[in-house]
């Protein structure tokens, strides 16, 4: 039977290795503004049926965990999307300026 201390040390080392791998993986993810704007434009196009993807523009968003605010369209087709620092859509805010 394996001594208890060996099992504890092995478990701790495995957890540390897993944590280090997760941290390194998150740090290596290279997400840029262009990818986020392109995703928002594609979503807006699918929702409105409008093909003019050049009508989307992004601004930095400084509140909380938000990273980018992407506005697409004009008039009644205008939608604003908020993205967090990992590039995830937080909420589509319809009609916002």
PDB file of N, CA and C in Angstrom:
ATOM      1  N   UNK A   1       0.840  -1.178   0.000  1.00  0.00           N
ATOM      2  CA  UNK A   1       0.000   0.000   0.000  1.00  0.00           C
ATOM      3  C   UNK A   1       0.887   1.244   0.000  1.00  0.00           C
ATOM      4  N   UNK A   2       0.453   2.281  -0.748  1.00  0.00           N
ATOM      5  CA  UNK A   2       1.220   3.526  -0.869  1.00  0.00           C
ATOM      6  C   UNK A   2       1.018   4.350   0.407  1.00  0.00           C
ATOM      7  N   UNK A   3       2.108   4.864   0.950  1.00  0.00           N
ATOM      8  CA  UNK A   3       1.991   5.692   2.151  1.00  0.00           C
ATOM      9  C   UNK A   3       1.126   6.932   1.901  1.00  0.00           C
ATOM     10  N   UNK A   4       0.442   7.342   2.929  1.00  0.00           N
ATOM     11  CA  UNK A   4      -0.476   8.473   2.844  1.00  0.00           C
ATOM     12  C   UNK A   4       0.241   9.770   2.432  1.00  0.00           C
ATOM     13  N   UNK A   5       1.435   9.996   2.942  1.00  0.00           N
ATOM     14  CA  UNK A   5       2.186  11.208   2.616  1.00  0.00           C
ATOM     15  C   UNK A   5       2.520  11.277   1.121  1.00  0.00           C
ATOM     16  N   UNK A   6       2.835  10.143   0.515  1.00  0.00           N
ATOM     17  CA  UNK A   6       3.139  10.112  -0.909  1.00  0.00           C
ATOM     18  C   UNK A   6       1.897  10.480  -1.722  1.00  0.00           C
ATOM     19  N   UNK A   7       0.743   9.976  -1.331  1.00  0.00           N
ATOM     20  CA  UNK A   7      -0.505  10.308  -2.023  1.00  0.00           C
ATOM     21  C   UNK A   7      -0.823  11.797  -1.895  1.00  0.00           C
ATOM     22  N   UNK A   8      -0.626  12.360  -0.734  1.00  0.00           N
ATOM     23  CA  UNK A   8      -0.917  13.781  -0.518  1.00  0.00           C
ATOM     24  C   UNK A   8       0.010  14.645  -1.369  1.00  0.00           C
ATOM     25  N   UNK A   9       1.304  14.335  -1.355  1.00  0.00           N
ATOM     26  CA  UNK A   9       2.264  15.096  -2.149  1.00  0.00           C
ATOM     27  C   UNK A   9       1.948  14.964  -3.637  1.00  0.00           C
ATOM     28  N   UNK A  10       1.610  13.774  -4.089  1.00  0.00           N
ATOM     29  CA  UNK A  10       1.270  13.551  -5.495  1.00  0.00           C
ATOM     30  C   UNK A  10       0.026  14.353  -5.885  1.00  0.00           C
ATOM     31  N   UNK A  11      -0.979  14.352  -5.030  1.00  0.00           N
ATOM     32  CA  UNK A  11      -2.211  15.101  -5.300  1.00  0.00           C
ATOM     33  C   UNK A  11      -1.922  16.597  -5.377  1.00  0.00           C
ATOM     34  N   UNK A  12      -1.107  17.103  -4.470  1.00  0.00           N
ATOM     35  CA  UNK A  12      -0.756  18.533  -4.473  1.00  0.00           C
ATOM     36  C   UNK A  12       0.008  18.893  -5.738  1.00  0.00           C
ATOM     37  N   UNK A  13       0.957  18.060  -6.132  1.00  0.00           N
ATOM     38  CA  UNK A  13       1.722  18.315  -7.348  1.00  0.00           C
ATOM     39  C   UNK A  13       0.828  18.295  -8.592  1.00  0.00           C
ATOM     40  N   UNK A  14      -0.124  17.381  -8.641  1.00  0.00           N
ATOM     41  CA  UNK A  14      -1.058  17.318  -9.769  1.00  0.00           C
ATOM     42  C   UNK A  14      -1.922  18.573  -9.833  1.00  0.00           C
ATOM     43  N   UNK A  15      -2.409  19.026  -8.682  1.00  0.00           N
ATOM     44  CA  UNK A  15      -3.221  20.244  -8.650  1.00  0.00           C
ATOM     45  C   UNK A  15      -2.406  21.467  -9.068  1.00  0.00           C
ATOM     46  N   UNK A  16      -1.178  21.551  -8.607  1.00  0.00           N
ATOM     47  CA  UNK A  16      -0.310  22.663  -9.004  1.00  0.00           C
ATOM     48  C   UNK A  16      -0.025  22.642 -10.502  1.00  0.00           C
ATOM     49  N   UNK A  17       0.251  21.471 -11.036  1.00  0.00           N
ATOM     50  CA  UNK A  17       0.522  21.355 -12.468  1.00  0.00           C
ATOM     51  C   UNK A  17      -0.719  21.744 -13.279  1.00  0.00           C
ATOM     52  N   UNK A  18      -1.877  21.299 -12.843  1.00  0.00           N
ATOM     53  CA  UNK A  18      -3.126  21.655 -13.531  1.00  0.00           C
ATOM     54  C   UNK A  18      -3.392  23.150 -13.472  1.00  0.00           C
ATOM     55  N   UNK A  19      -3.192  23.749 -12.305  1.00  0.00           N
ATOM     56  CA  UNK A  19      -3.379  25.194 -12.164  1.00  0.00           C
ATOM     57  C   UNK A  19      -2.415  25.982 -13.022  1.00  0.00           C
ATOM     58  N   UNK A  20      -1.161  25.554 -13.063  1.00  0.00           N
ATOM     59  CA  UNK A  20      -0.160  26.221 -13.883  1.00  0.00           C
ATOM     60  C   UNK A  20      -0.499  26.091 -15.367  1.00  0.00           C
ATOM     61  N   UNK A  21      -0.957  24.933 -15.780  1.00  0.00           N
ATOM     62  CA  UNK A  21      -1.355  24.731 -17.172  1.00  0.00           C
ATOM     63  C   UNK A  21      -2.543  25.596 -17.554  1.00  0.00           C
ATOM     64  N   UNK A  22      -3.525  25.713 -16.656  1.00  0.00           N
ATOM     65  CA  UNK A  22      -4.687  26.557 -16.914  1.00  0.00           C
ATOM     66  C   UNK A  22      -4.268  28.017 -17.025  1.00  0.00           C
ATOM     67  N   UNK A  23      -3.425  28.467 -16.104  1.00  0.00           N
ATOM     68  CA  UNK A  23      -2.957  29.850 -16.123  1.00  0.00           C
ATOM     69  C   UNK A  23      -2.183  30.143 -17.407  1.00  0.00           C
ATOM     70  N   UNK A  24      -1.308  29.255 -17.788  1.00  0.00           N
ATOM     71  CA  UNK A  24      -0.514  29.449 -19.001  1.00  0.00           C
ATOM     72  C   UNK A  24      -1.411  29.452 -20.242  1.00  0.00           C
ATOM     73  N   UNK A  25      -2.418  28.609 -20.262  1.00  0.00           N
ATOM     74  CA  UNK A  25      -3.333  28.553 -21.396  1.00  0.00           C
ATOM     75  C   UNK A  25      -4.153  29.820 -21.543  1.00  0.00           C
ATOM     76  N   UNK A  26      -4.628  30.342 -20.437  1.00  0.00           N
ATOM     77  CA  UNK A  26      -5.414  31.573 -20.484  1.00  0.00           C
ATOM     78  C   UNK A  26      -4.540  32.744 -20.922  1.00  0.00           C
ATOM     79  N   UNK A  27      -3.318  32.779 -20.475  1.00  0.00           N
ATOM     80  CA  UNK A  27      -2.400  33.850 -20.861  1.00  0.00           C
ATOM     81  C   UNK A  27      -2.046  33.796 -22.334  1.00  0.00           C
ATOM     82  N   UNK A  28      -2.073  32.633 -22.939  1.00  0.00           N
ATOM     83  CA  UNK A  28      -1.679  32.469 -24.342  1.00  0.00           C
ATOM     84  C   UNK A  28      -2.795  32.771 -25.327  1.00  0.00           C
ATOM     85  N   UNK A  29      -4.015  32.836 -24.845  1.00  0.00           N
ATOM     86  CA  UNK A  29      -5.121  33.105 -25.740  1.00  0.00           C
ATOM     87  C   UNK A  29      -4.926  34.500 -26.325  1.00  0.00           C
ATOM     88  N   UNK A  30      -4.885  34.568 -27.617  1.00  0.00           N
ATOM     89  CA  UNK A  30      -4.640  35.860 -28.264  1.00  0.00           C
ATOM     90  C   UNK A  30      -5.912  36.346 -28.939  1.00  0.00           C
ATOM     91  N   UNK A  31      -6.713  37.038 -28.186  1.00  0.00           N
ATOM     92  CA  UNK A  31      -7.949  37.592 -28.701  1.00  0.00           C
ATOM     93  C   UNK A  31      -7.704  39.060 -29.019  1.00  0.00           C
ATOM     94  N   UNK A  32      -8.122  39.487 -30.195  1.00  0.00           N
ATOM     95  CA  UNK A  32      -7.928  40.892 -30.532  1.00  0.00           C
ATOM     96  C   UNK A  32      -9.263  41.548 -30.864  1.00  0.00           C
ATOM     97  N   UNK A  33      -9.228  42.854 -30.988  1.00  0.00           N
ATOM     98  CA  UNK A  33     -10.441  43.628 -31.224  1.00  0.00           C
ATOM     99  C   UNK A  33     -11.110  43.260 -32.548  1.00  0.00           C
ATOM    100  N   UNK A  34     -10.312  42.978 -33.566  1.00  0.00           N
ATOM    101  CA  UNK A  34     -10.863  42.644 -34.878  1.00  0.00           C
ATOM    102  C   UNK A  34     -11.740  41.398 -34.815  1.00  0.00           C
ATOM    103  N   UNK A  35     -11.302  40.384 -34.070  1.00  0.00           N
ATOM    104  CA  UNK A  35     -12.098  39.157 -33.936  1.00  0.00           C
ATOM    105  C   UNK A  35     -13.444  39.443 -33.282  1.00  0.00           C
ATOM    106  N   UNK A  36     -13.430  40.271 -32.266  1.00  0.00           N
ATOM    107  CA  UNK A  36     -14.668  40.595 -31.543  1.00  0.00           C
ATOM    108  C   UNK A  36     -15.609  41.410 -32.429  1.00  0.00           C
ATOM    109  N   UNK A  37     -15.069  42.407 -33.127  1.00  0.00           N
ATOM    110  CA  UNK A  37     -15.905  43.236 -34.003  1.00  0.00           C
ATOM    111  C   UNK A  37     -16.497  42.389 -35.133  1.00  0.00           C
ATOM    112  N   UNK A  38     -15.717  41.498 -35.692  1.00  0.00           N
ATOM    113  CA  UNK A  38     -16.201  40.614 -36.762  1.00  0.00           C
ATOM    114  C   UNK A  38     -17.324  39.713 -36.261  1.00  0.00           C
ATOM    115  N   UNK A  39     -17.172  39.174 -35.062  1.00  0.00           N
ATOM    116  CA  UNK A  39     -18.224  38.317 -34.483  1.00  0.00           C
ATOM    117  C   UNK A  39     -19.499  39.114 -34.227  1.00  0.00           C
ATOM    118  N   UNK A  40     -19.356  40.336 -33.715  1.00  0.00           N
ATOM    119  CA  UNK A  40     -20.530  41.173 -33.465  1.00  0.00           C
ATOM    120  C   UNK A  40     -21.213  41.543 -34.778  1.00  0.00           C
ATOM    121  N   UNK A  41     -20.426  41.856 -35.805  1.00  0.00           N
ATOM    122  CA  UNK A  41     -21.000  42.207 -37.107  1.00  0.00           C
ATOM    123  C   UNK A  41     -21.758  41.025 -37.706  1.00  0.00           C
ATOM    124  N   UNK A  42     -21.199  39.826 -37.577  1.00  0.00           N
ATOM    125  CA  UNK A  42     -21.880  38.631 -38.091  1.00  0.00           C
ATOM    126  C   UNK A  42     -23.186  38.381 -37.339  1.00  0.00           C
ATOM    127  N   UNK A  43     -23.162  38.577 -36.039  1.00  0.00           N
ATOM    128  CA  UNK A  43     -24.386  38.389 -35.238  1.00  0.00           C
ATOM    129  C   UNK A  43     -25.438  39.424 -35.633  1.00  0.00           C
ATOM    130  N   UNK A  44     -25.017  40.681 -35.768  1.00  0.00           N
ATOM    131  CA  UNK A  44     -25.938  41.746 -36.142  1.00  0.00           C
ATOM    132  C   UNK A  44     -26.540  41.470 -37.519  1.00  0.00           C
ATOM    133  N   UNK A  45     -25.710  41.037 -38.453  1.00  0.00           N
ATOM    134  CA  UNK A  45     -26.179  40.723 -39.797  1.00  0.00           C
ATOM    135  C   UNK A  45     -27.207  39.596 -39.772  1.00  0.00           C
ATOM    136  N   UNK A  46     -26.941  38.572 -38.954  1.00  0.00           N
ATOM    137  CA  UNK A  46     -27.881  37.452 -38.856  1.00  0.00           C
ATOM    138  C   UNK A  46     -29.198  37.889 -38.209  1.00  0.00           C
ATOM    139  N   UNK A  47     -29.126  38.789 -37.242  1.00  0.00           N
ATOM    140  CA  UNK A  47     -30.341  39.239 -36.547  1.00  0.00           C
ATOM    141  C   UNK A  47     -31.187  40.182 -37.392  1.00  0.00           C
ATOM    142  N   UNK A  48     -30.535  41.037 -38.189  1.00  0.00           N
ATOM    143  CA  UNK A  48     -31.277  42.061 -38.937  1.00  0.00           C
ATOM    144  C   UNK A  48     -31.427  41.746 -40.414  1.00  0.00           C
ATOM    145  N   UNK A  49     -30.615  40.842 -40.932  1.00  0.00           N
ATOM    146  CA  UNK A  49     -30.649  40.532 -42.353  1.00  0.00           C
ATOM    147  C   UNK A  49     -29.912  41.554 -43.197  1.00  0.00           C
ATOM    148  N   UNK A  50     -29.223  42.477 -42.565  1.00  0.00           N
ATOM    149  CA  UNK A  50     -28.474  43.511 -43.273  1.00  0.00           C
ATOM    150  C   UNK A  50     -27.077  42.993 -43.598  1.00  0.00           C
ATOM    151  N   UNK A  51     -26.628  43.199 -44.844  1.00  0.00           N
ATOM    152  CA  UNK A  51     -25.332  42.684 -45.274  1.00  0.00           C
ATOM    153  C   UNK A  51     -24.176  43.656 -45.052  1.00  0.00           C
ATOM    154  N   UNK A  52     -24.442  44.897 -44.686  1.00  0.00           N
ATOM    155  CA  UNK A  52     -23.402  45.923 -44.565  1.00  0.00           C
ATOM    156  C   UNK A  52     -22.641  45.770 -43.251  1.00  0.00           C
ATOM    157  N   UNK A  53     -21.644  44.885 -43.260  1.00  0.00           N
ATOM    158  CA  UNK A  53     -20.869  44.628 -42.046  1.00  0.00           C
ATOM    159  C   UNK A  53     -19.937  45.780 -41.696  1.00  0.00           C
ATOM    160  N   UNK A  54     -19.740  46.716 -42.626  1.00  0.00           N
ATOM    161  CA  UNK A  54     -18.851  47.848 -42.350  1.00  0.00           C
ATOM    162  C   UNK A  54     -19.510  48.900 -41.470  1.00  0.00           C
ATOM    163  N   UNK A  55     -20.775  48.708 -41.126  1.00  0.00           N
ATOM    164  CA  UNK A  55     -21.464  49.695 -40.296  1.00  0.00           C
ATOM    165  C   UNK A  55     -21.239  49.459 -38.803  1.00  0.00           C
ATOM    166  N   UNK A  56     -20.378  48.518 -38.462  1.00  0.00           N
ATOM    167  CA  UNK A  56     -20.083  48.244 -37.051  1.00  0.00           C
ATOM    168  C   UNK A  56     -18.823  48.984 -36.633  1.00  0.00           C
ATOM    169  N   UNK A  57     -18.877  49.554 -35.443  1.00  0.00           N
ATOM    170  CA  UNK A  57     -17.738  50.289 -34.905  1.00  0.00           C
ATOM    171  C   UNK A  57     -17.612  49.944 -33.419  1.00  0.00           C
ATOM    172  N   UNK A  58     -16.379  49.897 -32.939  1.00  0.00           N
ATOM    173  CA  UNK A  58     -16.149  49.517 -31.536  1.00  0.00           C
ATOM    174  C   UNK A  58     -15.491  50.662 -30.774  1.00  0.00           C
ATOM    175  N   UNK A  59     -15.832  50.713 -29.494  1.00  0.00           N
ATOM    176  CA  UNK A  59     -15.262  51.686 -28.575  1.00  0.00           C
ATOM    177  C   UNK A  59     -14.807  50.957 -27.327  1.00  0.00           C
ATOM    178  N   UNK A  60     -13.738  51.416 -26.688  1.00  0.00           N
ATOM    179  CA  UNK A  60     -13.352  50.811 -25.411  1.00  0.00           C
ATOM    180  C   UNK A  60     -14.420  51.088 -24.370  1.00  0.00           C
ATOM    181  N   UNK A  61     -14.656  50.141 -23.529  1.00  0.00           N
ATOM    182  CA  UNK A  61     -15.659  50.272 -22.469  1.00  0.00           C
ATOM    183  C   UNK A  61     -14.933  50.127 -21.144  1.00  0.00           C
ATOM    184  N   UNK A  62     -15.021  51.122 -20.303  1.00  0.00           N
ATOM    185  CA  UNK A  62     -14.206  51.129 -19.083  1.00  0.00           C
ATOM    186  C   UNK A  62     -14.961  50.693 -17.834  1.00  0.00           C
ATOM    187  N   UNK A  63     -16.227  50.410 -17.924  1.00  0.00           N
ATOM    188  CA  UNK A  63     -17.010  50.052 -16.746  1.00  0.00           C
ATOM    189  C   UNK A  63     -16.848  48.577 -16.396  1.00  0.00           C
ATOM    190  N   UNK A  64     -16.416  48.317 -15.194  1.00  0.00           N
ATOM    191  CA  UNK A  64     -16.335  46.955 -14.683  1.00  0.00           C
ATOM    192  C   UNK A  64     -15.474  46.038 -15.512  1.00  0.00           C
ATOM    193  N   UNK A  65     -16.016  44.883 -15.822  1.00  0.00           N
ATOM    194  CA  UNK A  65     -15.283  43.855 -16.564  1.00  0.00           C
ATOM    195  C   UNK A  65     -15.477  43.979 -18.072  1.00  0.00           C
ATOM    196  N   UNK A  66     -16.187  44.998 -18.527  1.00  0.00           N
ATOM    197  CA  UNK A  66     -16.425  45.160 -19.949  1.00  0.00           C
ATOM    198  C   UNK A  66     -15.145  45.604 -20.654  1.00  0.00           C
ATOM    199  N   UNK A  67     -14.988  45.150 -21.889  1.00  0.00           N
ATOM    200  CA  UNK A  67     -13.795  45.451 -22.668  1.00  0.00           C
ATOM    201  C   UNK A  67     -14.141  46.320 -23.868  1.00  0.00           C
ATOM    202  N   UNK A  68     -15.100  45.860 -24.680  1.00  0.00           N
ATOM    203  CA  UNK A  68     -15.473  46.587 -25.886  1.00  0.00           C
ATOM    204  C   UNK A  68     -16.975  46.766 -25.979  1.00  0.00           C
ATOM    205  N   UNK A  69     -17.356  47.889 -26.558  1.00  0.00           N
ATOM    206  CA  UNK A  69     -18.748  48.160 -26.881  1.00  0.00           C
ATOM    207  C   UNK A  69     -18.810  48.273 -28.395  1.00  0.00           C
ATOM    208  N   UNK A  70     -19.531  47.373 -29.030  1.00  0.00           N
ATOM    209  CA  UNK A  70     -19.616  47.342 -30.493  1.00  0.00           C
ATOM    210  C   UNK A  70     -21.023  47.760 -30.897  1.00  0.00           C
ATOM    211  N   UNK A  71     -21.102  48.829 -31.695  1.00  0.00           N
ATOM    212  CA  UNK A  71     -22.385  49.326 -32.195  1.00  0.00           C
ATOM    213  C   UNK A  71     -22.478  49.034 -33.684  1.00  0.00           C
ATOM    214  N   UNK A  72     -23.608  48.487 -34.088  1.00  0.00           N
ATOM    215  CA  UNK A  72     -23.830  48.142 -35.498  1.00  0.00           C
ATOM    216  C   UNK A  72     -25.128  48.757 -35.979  1.00  0.00           C
ATOM    217  N   UNK A  73     -25.111  49.244 -37.207  1.00  0.00           N
ATOM    218  CA  UNK A  73     -26.321  49.737 -37.842  1.00  0.00           C
ATOM    219  C   UNK A  73     -26.686  51.148 -37.440  1.00  0.00           C
ATOM    220  N   UNK A  74     -27.803  51.589 -38.029  1.00  0.00           N
ATOM    221  CA  UNK A  74     -28.325  52.920 -37.753  1.00  0.00           C
ATOM    222  C   UNK A  74     -29.838  52.826 -37.654  1.00  0.00           C
ATOM    223  N   UNK A  75     -30.419  53.809 -37.023  1.00  0.00           N
ATOM    224  CA  UNK A  75     -31.873  53.868 -36.934  1.00  0.00           C
ATOM    225  C   UNK A  75     -32.453  52.709 -36.149  1.00  0.00           C
ATOM    226  N   UNK A  76     -33.511  52.124 -36.671  1.00  0.00           N
ATOM    227  CA  UNK A  76     -34.186  51.064 -35.939  1.00  0.00           C
ATOM    228  C   UNK A  76     -33.409  49.736 -35.959  1.00  0.00           C
ATOM    229  N   UNK A  77     -32.433  49.603 -36.867  1.00  0.00           N
ATOM    230  CA  UNK A  77     -31.594  48.399 -36.916  1.00  0.00           C
ATOM    231  C   UNK A  77     -30.386  48.487 -35.997  1.00  0.00           C
ATOM    232  N   UNK A  78     -30.198  49.616 -35.309  1.00  0.00           N
ATOM    233  CA  UNK A  78     -29.004  49.801 -34.483  1.00  0.00           C
ATOM    234  C   UNK A  78     -29.049  48.918 -33.238  1.00  0.00           C
ATOM    235  N   UNK A  79     -27.931  48.235 -33.007  1.00  0.00           N
ATOM    236  CA  UNK A  79     -27.794  47.402 -31.809  1.00  0.00           C
ATOM    237  C   UNK A  79     -26.402  47.606 -31.243  1.00  0.00           C
ATOM    238  N   UNK A  80     -26.302  47.520 -29.946  1.00  0.00           N
ATOM    239  CA  UNK A  80     -25.019  47.653 -29.267  1.00  0.00           C
ATOM    240  C   UNK A  80     -24.751  46.383 -28.493  1.00  0.00           C
ATOM    241  N   UNK A  81     -23.553  45.853 -28.643  1.00  0.00           N
ATOM    242  CA  UNK A  81     -23.144  44.627 -27.972  1.00  0.00           C
ATOM    243  C   UNK A  81     -21.987  44.940 -27.032  1.00  0.00           C
ATOM    244  N   UNK A  82     -22.031  44.375 -25.836  1.00  0.00           N
ATOM    245  CA  UNK A  82     -20.958  44.547 -24.863  1.00  0.00           C
ATOM    246  C   UNK A  82     -20.193  43.238 -24.726  1.00  0.00           C
ATOM    247  N   UNK A  83     -18.866  43.325 -24.736  1.00  0.00           N
ATOM    248  CA  UNK A  83     -18.007  42.149 -24.617  1.00  0.00           C
ATOM    249  C   UNK A  83     -17.089  42.307 -23.421  1.00  0.00           C
ATOM    250  N   UNK A  84     -16.871  41.199 -22.707  1.00  0.00           N
ATOM    251  CA  UNK A  84     -15.950  41.245 -21.575  1.00  0.00           C
ATOM    252  C   UNK A  84     -14.516  41.044 -22.056  1.00  0.00           C
ATOM    253  N   UNK A  85     -13.594  41.005 -21.119  1.00  0.00           N
ATOM    254  CA  UNK A  85     -12.169  40.952 -21.459  1.00  0.00           C
ATOM    255  C   UNK A  85     -11.739  39.629 -22.069  1.00  0.00           C
ATOM    256  N   UNK A  86     -12.604  38.624 -22.029  1.00  0.00           N
ATOM    257  CA  UNK A  86     -12.313  37.345 -22.680  1.00  0.00           C
ATOM    258  C   UNK A  86     -13.015  37.215 -24.020  1.00  0.00           C
ATOM    259  N   UNK A  87     -13.675  38.287 -24.441  1.00  0.00           N
ATOM    260  CA  UNK A  87     -14.339  38.288 -25.739  1.00  0.00           C
ATOM    261  C   UNK A  87     -15.722  37.673 -25.736  1.00  0.00           C
ATOM    262  N   UNK A  88     -16.288  37.453 -24.565  1.00  0.00           N
ATOM    263  CA  UNK A  88     -17.635  36.867 -24.479  1.00  0.00           C
ATOM    264  C   UNK A  88     -18.690  37.964 -24.538  1.00  0.00           C
ATOM    265  N   UNK A  89     -19.754  37.705 -25.279  1.00  0.00           N
ATOM    266  CA  UNK A  89     -20.869  38.638 -25.354  1.00  0.00           C
ATOM    267  C   UNK A  89     -21.561  38.665 -24.007  1.00  0.00           C
ATOM    268  N   UNK A  90     -21.675  39.854 -23.435  1.00  0.00           N
ATOM    269  CA  UNK A  90     -22.305  39.969 -22.127  1.00  0.00           C
ATOM    270  C   UNK A  90     -23.794  40.191 -22.283  1.00  0.00           C
ATOM    271  N   UNK A  91     -24.171  41.179 -23.067  1.00  0.00           N
ATOM    272  CA  UNK A  91     -25.580  41.418 -23.293  1.00  0.00           C
ATOM    273  C   UNK A  91     -25.763  42.263 -24.548  1.00  0.00           C
ATOM    274  N   UNK A  92     -26.699  41.902 -25.397  1.00  0.00           N
ATOM    275  CA  UNK A  92     -27.007  42.793 -26.512  1.00  0.00           C
ATOM    276  C   UNK A  92     -27.950  43.880 -25.998  1.00  0.00           C
ATOM    277  N   UNK A  93     -27.577  45.119 -26.147  1.00  0.00           N
ATOM    278  CA  UNK A  93     -28.387  46.216 -25.651  1.00  0.00           C
ATOM    279  C   UNK A  93     -29.031  46.904 -26.836  1.00  0.00           C
ATOM    280  N   UNK A  94     -30.251  46.548 -27.131  1.00  0.00           N
ATOM    281  CA  UNK A  94     -30.920  47.031 -28.326  1.00  0.00           C
ATOM    282  C   UNK A  94     -31.284  48.511 -28.193  1.00  0.00           C
ATOM    283  N   UNK A  95     -30.969  49.252 -29.237  1.00  0.00           N
ATOM    284  CA  UNK A  95     -31.355  50.644 -29.304  1.00  0.00           C
ATOM    285  C   UNK A  95     -30.504  51.585 -28.474  1.00  0.00           C
ATOM    286  N   UNK A  96     -29.455  51.130 -27.860  1.00  0.00           N
ATOM    287  CA  UNK A  96     -28.621  52.011 -27.046  1.00  0.00           C
ATOM    288  C   UNK A  96     -27.758  52.871 -27.938  1.00  0.00           C
ATOM    289  N   UNK A  97     -27.340  53.978 -27.397  1.00  0.00           N
ATOM    290  CA  UNK A  97     -26.475  54.869 -28.182  1.00  0.00           C
ATOM    291  C   UNK A  97     -25.034  54.680 -27.784  1.00  0.00           C
TER     292      UNK A  97
END
